[in-house]
């Protein structure tokens, strides 16, 4: 099976903030992952990536929230996108005065 792109979208939240989501279904898991998906989801505000979920080869599933990096427990693509959107709302709430 060839890799199949499931999502490739950019969502504008304001003039200075947007999200990009790219998700692929692969024929086999990447090194460091236990599932057959490759993804990168990023929230960019004023030209700076402030939130990112990804699973780069060898590093496995993780997220960056501001300057903090932590493991992410991937379950499904739908849950991944929901968690990402929840974190965007959290980021916006916690940083509304910045």
C-alpha atoms as a PDB file:
ATOM      1  CA  UNK A   1       0.000   0.000   0.000  1.00  0.00           C
ATOM      2  CA  UNK A   2       1.257   3.459  -0.868  1.00  0.00           C
ATOM      3  CA  UNK A   3       1.108   6.254   1.683  1.00  0.00           C
ATOM      4  CA  UNK A   4      -2.256   8.017   1.535  1.00  0.00           C
ATOM      5  CA  UNK A   5      -2.622  11.636   2.535  1.00  0.00           C
ATOM      6  CA  UNK A   6      -5.737  11.967   4.716  1.00  0.00           C
ATOM      7  CA  UNK A   7      -5.503  15.632   5.725  1.00  0.00           C
ATOM      8  CA  UNK A   8      -3.665  18.641   4.316  1.00  0.00           C
ATOM      9  CA  UNK A   9      -5.275  21.856   5.451  1.00  0.00           C
ATOM     10  CA  UNK A  10      -4.556  25.328   6.723  1.00  0.00           C
ATOM     11  CA  UNK A  11      -7.050  27.093   8.990  1.00  0.00           C
ATOM     12  CA  UNK A  12      -6.864  30.838   9.608  1.00  0.00           C
ATOM     13  CA  UNK A  13      -7.854  31.800  13.151  1.00  0.00           C
ATOM     14  CA  UNK A  14      -7.028  35.490  12.766  1.00  0.00           C
ATOM     15  CA  UNK A  15      -4.798  37.761  10.684  1.00  0.00           C
ATOM     16  CA  UNK A  16      -1.846  36.686  12.837  1.00  0.00           C
ATOM     17  CA  UNK A  17      -2.672  33.042  13.691  1.00  0.00           C
ATOM     18  CA  UNK A  18      -3.230  29.866  11.691  1.00  0.00           C
ATOM     19  CA  UNK A  19      -3.063  26.092  12.042  1.00  0.00           C
ATOM     20  CA  UNK A  20      -1.628  23.630   9.546  1.00  0.00           C
ATOM     21  CA  UNK A  21      -2.549  19.963   9.718  1.00  0.00           C
ATOM     22  CA  UNK A  22      -0.974  17.224   7.627  1.00  0.00           C
ATOM     23  CA  UNK A  23      -1.765  13.545   8.226  1.00  0.00           C
ATOM     24  CA  UNK A  24      -0.741  10.469   6.244  1.00  0.00           C
ATOM     25  CA  UNK A  25      -1.715   6.807   6.524  1.00  0.00           C
ATOM     26  CA  UNK A  26       1.375   4.668   5.894  1.00  0.00           C
ATOM     27  CA  UNK A  27       1.822   1.034   4.976  1.00  0.00           C
ATOM     28  CA  UNK A  28       3.829   0.446   8.177  1.00  0.00           C
ATOM     29  CA  UNK A  29       4.711   2.381  11.332  1.00  0.00           C
ATOM     30  CA  UNK A  30       7.554   4.866  11.409  1.00  0.00           C
ATOM     31  CA  UNK A  31      10.544   4.008  13.583  1.00  0.00           C
ATOM     32  CA  UNK A  32       9.523   5.055  17.103  1.00  0.00           C
ATOM     33  CA  UNK A  33       5.758   4.723  16.507  1.00  0.00           C
ATOM     34  CA  UNK A  34       3.366   1.813  17.036  1.00  0.00           C
ATOM     35  CA  UNK A  35       0.737   2.989  14.526  1.00  0.00           C
ATOM     36  CA  UNK A  36       0.682   3.558  10.759  1.00  0.00           C
ATOM     37  CA  UNK A  37       0.203   7.331  10.714  1.00  0.00           C
ATOM     38  CA  UNK A  38       2.631  10.172  10.059  1.00  0.00           C
ATOM     39  CA  UNK A  39       1.516  13.639  11.112  1.00  0.00           C
ATOM     40  CA  UNK A  40       2.465  17.214  11.856  1.00  0.00           C
ATOM     41  CA  UNK A  41       0.001  19.689  13.273  1.00  0.00           C
ATOM     42  CA  UNK A  42       1.212  23.204  13.988  1.00  0.00           C
ATOM     43  CA  UNK A  43      -0.341  26.347  15.397  1.00  0.00           C
ATOM     44  CA  UNK A  44       1.513  29.496  14.367  1.00  0.00           C
ATOM     45  CA  UNK A  45       0.968  32.871  15.974  1.00  0.00           C
ATOM     46  CA  UNK A  46       2.695  36.046  14.749  1.00  0.00           C
ATOM     47  CA  UNK A  47       5.111  33.939  12.702  1.00  0.00           C
ATOM     48  CA  UNK A  48       6.140  31.674  15.602  1.00  0.00           C
ATOM     49  CA  UNK A  49       5.123  28.033  16.000  1.00  0.00           C
ATOM     50  CA  UNK A  50       3.704  27.959  19.546  1.00  0.00           C
ATOM     51  CA  UNK A  51       2.065  24.513  19.459  1.00  0.00           C
ATOM     52  CA  UNK A  52       3.007  21.410  17.474  1.00  0.00           C
ATOM     53  CA  UNK A  53       2.128  17.725  17.455  1.00  0.00           C
ATOM     54  CA  UNK A  54       4.319  15.415  15.388  1.00  0.00           C
ATOM     55  CA  UNK A  55       5.945  12.005  15.203  1.00  0.00           C
ATOM     56  CA  UNK A  56       9.231  12.454  13.419  1.00  0.00           C
ATOM     57  CA  UNK A  57      11.173   9.302  12.587  1.00  0.00           C
ATOM     58  CA  UNK A  58      12.893   7.808  15.641  1.00  0.00           C
ATOM     59  CA  UNK A  59      11.366  10.283  18.102  1.00  0.00           C
ATOM     60  CA  UNK A  60       7.830   8.935  18.282  1.00  0.00           C
ATOM     61  CA  UNK A  61       4.626  10.749  19.175  1.00  0.00           C
ATOM     62  CA  UNK A  62       5.105  14.023  21.020  1.00  0.00           C
ATOM     63  CA  UNK A  63       3.853  17.578  21.295  1.00  0.00           C
ATOM     64  CA  UNK A  64       5.426  20.971  21.822  1.00  0.00           C
ATOM     65  CA  UNK A  65       3.407  23.447  23.897  1.00  0.00           C
ATOM     66  CA  UNK A  66       5.341  26.697  23.952  1.00  0.00           C
ATOM     67  CA  UNK A  67       8.902  25.718  24.844  1.00  0.00           C
ATOM     68  CA  UNK A  68       7.887  22.480  26.602  1.00  0.00           C
ATOM     69  CA  UNK A  69       8.020  19.112  24.845  1.00  0.00           C
ATOM     70  CA  UNK A  70       6.172  16.059  26.143  1.00  0.00           C
ATOM     71  CA  UNK A  71       5.177  12.594  24.985  1.00  0.00           C
ATOM     72  CA  UNK A  72       1.798  12.246  23.300  1.00  0.00           C
ATOM     73  CA  UNK A  73      -0.316   9.073  23.536  1.00  0.00           C
ATOM     74  CA  UNK A  74      -1.655   8.682  19.982  1.00  0.00           C
ATOM     75  CA  UNK A  75      -4.889   6.669  19.711  1.00  0.00           C
ATOM     76  CA  UNK A  76      -6.738   7.730  16.540  1.00  0.00           C
ATOM     77  CA  UNK A  77      -6.475  10.511  13.946  1.00  0.00           C
ATOM     78  CA  UNK A  78      -9.784  11.927  15.185  1.00  0.00           C
ATOM     79  CA  UNK A  79      -8.537  12.099  18.789  1.00  0.00           C
ATOM     80  CA  UNK A  80      -5.264  13.675  17.594  1.00  0.00           C
ATOM     81  CA  UNK A  81      -7.110  16.498  15.831  1.00  0.00           C
ATOM     82  CA  UNK A  82      -9.490  16.985  18.781  1.00  0.00           C
ATOM     83  CA  UNK A  83      -6.560  17.183  21.229  1.00  0.00           C
ATOM     84  CA  UNK A  84      -4.782  19.655  18.957  1.00  0.00           C
ATOM     85  CA  UNK A  85      -7.856  21.882  18.713  1.00  0.00           C
ATOM     86  CA  UNK A  86      -8.317  21.712  22.490  1.00  0.00           C
ATOM     87  CA  UNK A  87      -4.695  22.821  22.967  1.00  0.00           C
ATOM     88  CA  UNK A  88      -5.189  25.715  20.520  1.00  0.00           C
ATOM     89  CA  UNK A  89      -8.113  26.914  22.660  1.00  0.00           C
ATOM     90  CA  UNK A  90      -5.985  26.480  25.801  1.00  0.00           C
ATOM     91  CA  UNK A  91      -3.059  28.368  24.252  1.00  0.00           C
ATOM     92  CA  UNK A  92      -5.311  31.230  23.188  1.00  0.00           C
ATOM     93  CA  UNK A  93      -6.915  31.408  26.637  1.00  0.00           C
ATOM     94  CA  UNK A  94      -3.609  31.323  28.539  1.00  0.00           C
ATOM     95  CA  UNK A  95      -1.953  33.843  26.211  1.00  0.00           C
ATOM     96  CA  UNK A  96      -4.812  36.239  25.506  1.00  0.00           C
ATOM     97  CA  UNK A  97      -2.878  39.202  26.921  1.00  0.00           C
ATOM     98  CA  UNK A  98       0.380  38.576  25.083  1.00  0.00           C
END
